[in-house]
């Protein structure tokens, strides 16, 4: 998120006990904790975007994230279905006869 919007967002959340930020927009899997907030990026369930189309920031694979919430805690589990394969968007476009 670009500045100054990022600074406003950080300020807005500075007064709450924020423990989890969950996102999935970038088609990359990432899981880290900064200060007391866990940041989880869910990968795409359908396809991955190769490095030629998108910079690599985290792990590029397909899958999903399972969250289990309790009153005072939560668990995060990164899951891949049995037999799930990492399909590249270029392969999908080629199969569809689309332009790259």
C-alpha atoms as a PDB file:
ATOM      1  CA  UNK A   1       0.000   0.000   0.000  1.00  0.00           C
ATOM      2  CA  UNK A   2       1.508   3.332  -1.001  1.00  0.00           C
ATOM      3  CA  UNK A   3       2.072   6.250   1.336  1.00  0.00           C
ATOM      4  CA  UNK A   4       0.334   8.349   2.642  1.00  0.00           C
ATOM      5  CA  UNK A   5      -2.604   5.890   2.725  1.00  0.00           C
ATOM      6  CA  UNK A   6      -0.406   3.332   4.504  1.00  0.00           C
ATOM      7  CA  UNK A   7       0.486   5.784   7.273  1.00  0.00           C
ATOM      8  CA  UNK A   8      -3.201   6.613   7.827  1.00  0.00           C
ATOM      9  CA  UNK A   9      -4.088   2.916   8.031  1.00  0.00           C
ATOM     10  CA  UNK A  10      -1.300   2.211  10.520  1.00  0.00           C
ATOM     11  CA  UNK A  11      -2.428   5.145  12.643  1.00  0.00           C
ATOM     12  CA  UNK A  12      -6.046   3.995  12.518  1.00  0.00           C
ATOM     13  CA  UNK A  13      -5.149   0.540  13.874  1.00  0.00           C
ATOM     14  CA  UNK A  14      -2.606   1.768  16.448  1.00  0.00           C
ATOM     15  CA  UNK A  15      -5.270   2.006  19.155  1.00  0.00           C
ATOM     16  CA  UNK A  16      -6.658  -1.546  18.808  1.00  0.00           C
ATOM     17  CA  UNK A  17      -5.274  -4.937  19.780  1.00  0.00           C
ATOM     18  CA  UNK A  18      -4.844  -6.145  16.206  1.00  0.00           C
ATOM     19  CA  UNK A  19      -3.579  -9.750  16.097  1.00  0.00           C
ATOM     20  CA  UNK A  20      -4.252 -10.888  12.513  1.00  0.00           C
ATOM     21  CA  UNK A  21      -4.200  -9.391   9.040  1.00  0.00           C
ATOM     22  CA  UNK A  22      -5.392 -11.895   6.426  1.00  0.00           C
ATOM     23  CA  UNK A  23      -5.139 -11.237   2.712  1.00  0.00           C
ATOM     24  CA  UNK A  24      -5.125 -13.236  -0.482  1.00  0.00           C
ATOM     25  CA  UNK A  25      -4.997 -10.813  -3.351  1.00  0.00           C
ATOM     26  CA  UNK A  26      -1.417 -11.276  -4.572  1.00  0.00           C
ATOM     27  CA  UNK A  27      -1.475 -15.028  -5.383  1.00  0.00           C
ATOM     28  CA  UNK A  28       1.489 -15.693  -3.089  1.00  0.00           C
ATOM     29  CA  UNK A  29       1.674 -17.501   0.258  1.00  0.00           C
ATOM     30  CA  UNK A  30       3.307 -15.643   3.112  1.00  0.00           C
ATOM     31  CA  UNK A  31       3.064 -15.950   6.877  1.00  0.00           C
ATOM     32  CA  UNK A  32       5.002 -13.782   9.307  1.00  0.00           C
ATOM     33  CA  UNK A  33       4.584 -11.903  12.562  1.00  0.00           C
ATOM     34  CA  UNK A  34       5.556  -8.268  12.962  1.00  0.00           C
ATOM     35  CA  UNK A  35       5.432  -7.019  16.528  1.00  0.00           C
ATOM     36  CA  UNK A  36       2.308  -8.735  17.859  1.00  0.00           C
ATOM     37  CA  UNK A  37       0.371  -8.928  14.575  1.00  0.00           C
ATOM     38  CA  UNK A  38       0.412 -12.021  12.375  1.00  0.00           C
ATOM     39  CA  UNK A  39       0.235 -11.354   8.640  1.00  0.00           C
ATOM     40  CA  UNK A  40      -1.092 -14.197   6.486  1.00  0.00           C
ATOM     41  CA  UNK A  41      -1.343 -14.099   2.711  1.00  0.00           C
ATOM     42  CA  UNK A  42      -3.406 -16.890   1.208  1.00  0.00           C
ATOM     43  CA  UNK A  43      -2.324 -18.173  -2.192  1.00  0.00           C
ATOM     44  CA  UNK A  44      -4.719 -18.599  -5.074  1.00  0.00           C
ATOM     45  CA  UNK A  45      -6.749 -21.812  -5.121  1.00  0.00           C
ATOM     46  CA  UNK A  46      -6.653 -21.825  -8.930  1.00  0.00           C
ATOM     47  CA  UNK A  47      -3.304 -20.782 -10.410  1.00  0.00           C
ATOM     48  CA  UNK A  48       0.023 -19.123  -9.721  1.00  0.00           C
ATOM     49  CA  UNK A  49       1.493 -16.122 -11.520  1.00  0.00           C
ATOM     50  CA  UNK A  50       5.045 -16.646 -12.761  1.00  0.00           C
ATOM     51  CA  UNK A  51       7.928 -14.295 -12.031  1.00  0.00           C
ATOM     52  CA  UNK A  52       7.827 -12.791 -15.545  1.00  0.00           C
ATOM     53  CA  UNK A  53       4.327 -11.414 -14.837  1.00  0.00           C
ATOM     54  CA  UNK A  54       4.666 -10.663 -11.118  1.00  0.00           C
ATOM     55  CA  UNK A  55       7.567  -9.992  -8.768  1.00  0.00           C
ATOM     56  CA  UNK A  56       8.254 -12.757  -6.275  1.00  0.00           C
ATOM     57  CA  UNK A  57       7.658 -11.582  -2.725  1.00  0.00           C
ATOM     58  CA  UNK A  58       6.706 -14.899  -1.150  1.00  0.00           C
ATOM     59  CA  UNK A  59       5.956 -18.532  -2.060  1.00  0.00           C
ATOM     60  CA  UNK A  60       4.195 -18.990  -5.379  1.00  0.00           C
ATOM     61  CA  UNK A  61       1.988 -22.044  -5.113  1.00  0.00           C
ATOM     62  CA  UNK A  62      -1.716 -22.860  -5.111  1.00  0.00           C
ATOM     63  CA  UNK A  63      -3.579 -23.778  -1.946  1.00  0.00           C
ATOM     64  CA  UNK A  64      -5.705 -22.272   0.765  1.00  0.00           C
ATOM     65  CA  UNK A  65      -5.547 -21.154   4.362  1.00  0.00           C
ATOM     66  CA  UNK A  66      -7.675 -22.579   7.144  1.00  0.00           C
ATOM     67  CA  UNK A  67      -8.335 -20.369  10.164  1.00  0.00           C
ATOM     68  CA  UNK A  68      -9.646 -21.667  13.489  1.00  0.00           C
ATOM     69  CA  UNK A  69     -10.696 -19.007  15.947  1.00  0.00           C
ATOM     70  CA  UNK A  70     -11.140 -19.362  19.691  1.00  0.00           C
ATOM     71  CA  UNK A  71     -12.150 -16.686  22.208  1.00  0.00           C
ATOM     72  CA  UNK A  72      -8.526 -15.710  22.974  1.00  0.00           C
ATOM     73  CA  UNK A  73      -6.478 -17.267  20.176  1.00  0.00           C
ATOM     74  CA  UNK A  74      -6.472 -18.541  16.626  1.00  0.00           C
ATOM     75  CA  UNK A  75      -4.698 -21.160  14.515  1.00  0.00           C
ATOM     76  CA  UNK A  76      -3.583 -20.807  10.912  1.00  0.00           C
ATOM     77  CA  UNK A  77      -2.983 -23.789   8.670  1.00  0.00           C
ATOM     78  CA  UNK A  78      -1.720 -23.662   5.089  1.00  0.00           C
ATOM     79  CA  UNK A  79      -3.400 -26.453   3.112  1.00  0.00           C
ATOM     80  CA  UNK A  80      -2.965 -28.089  -0.279  1.00  0.00           C
ATOM     81  CA  UNK A  81      -5.596 -30.523  -1.484  1.00  0.00           C
ATOM     82  CA  UNK A  82      -4.481 -34.058  -2.326  1.00  0.00           C
ATOM     83  CA  UNK A  83      -3.251 -34.049  -5.907  1.00  0.00           C
ATOM     84  CA  UNK A  84      -3.339 -30.271  -6.208  1.00  0.00           C
ATOM     85  CA  UNK A  85      -0.767 -28.969  -8.704  1.00  0.00           C
ATOM     86  CA  UNK A  86       0.742 -25.548  -9.254  1.00  0.00           C
ATOM     87  CA  UNK A  87      -0.841 -24.448 -12.518  1.00  0.00           C
ATOM     88  CA  UNK A  88       0.827 -21.410 -14.080  1.00  0.00           C
ATOM     89  CA  UNK A  89      -1.364 -18.699 -15.601  1.00  0.00           C
ATOM     90  CA  UNK A  90       0.690 -18.898 -18.810  1.00  0.00           C
ATOM     91  CA  UNK A  91      -0.373 -22.541 -19.192  1.00  0.00           C
ATOM     92  CA  UNK A  92      -4.015 -21.565 -18.726  1.00  0.00           C
ATOM     93  CA  UNK A  93      -3.760 -18.780 -21.277  1.00  0.00           C
ATOM     94  CA  UNK A  94      -2.083 -21.098 -23.773  1.00  0.00           C
ATOM     95  CA  UNK A  95      -4.818 -23.704 -23.338  1.00  0.00           C
ATOM     96  CA  UNK A  96      -7.457 -21.037 -23.909  1.00  0.00           C
ATOM     97  CA  UNK A  97      -5.616 -19.707 -26.955  1.00  0.00           C
ATOM     98  CA  UNK A  98      -5.364 -16.319 -25.308  1.00  0.00           C
ATOM     99  CA  UNK A  99      -2.792 -13.609 -25.748  1.00  0.00           C
ATOM    100  CA  UNK A 100       0.065 -13.341 -23.267  1.00  0.00           C
END
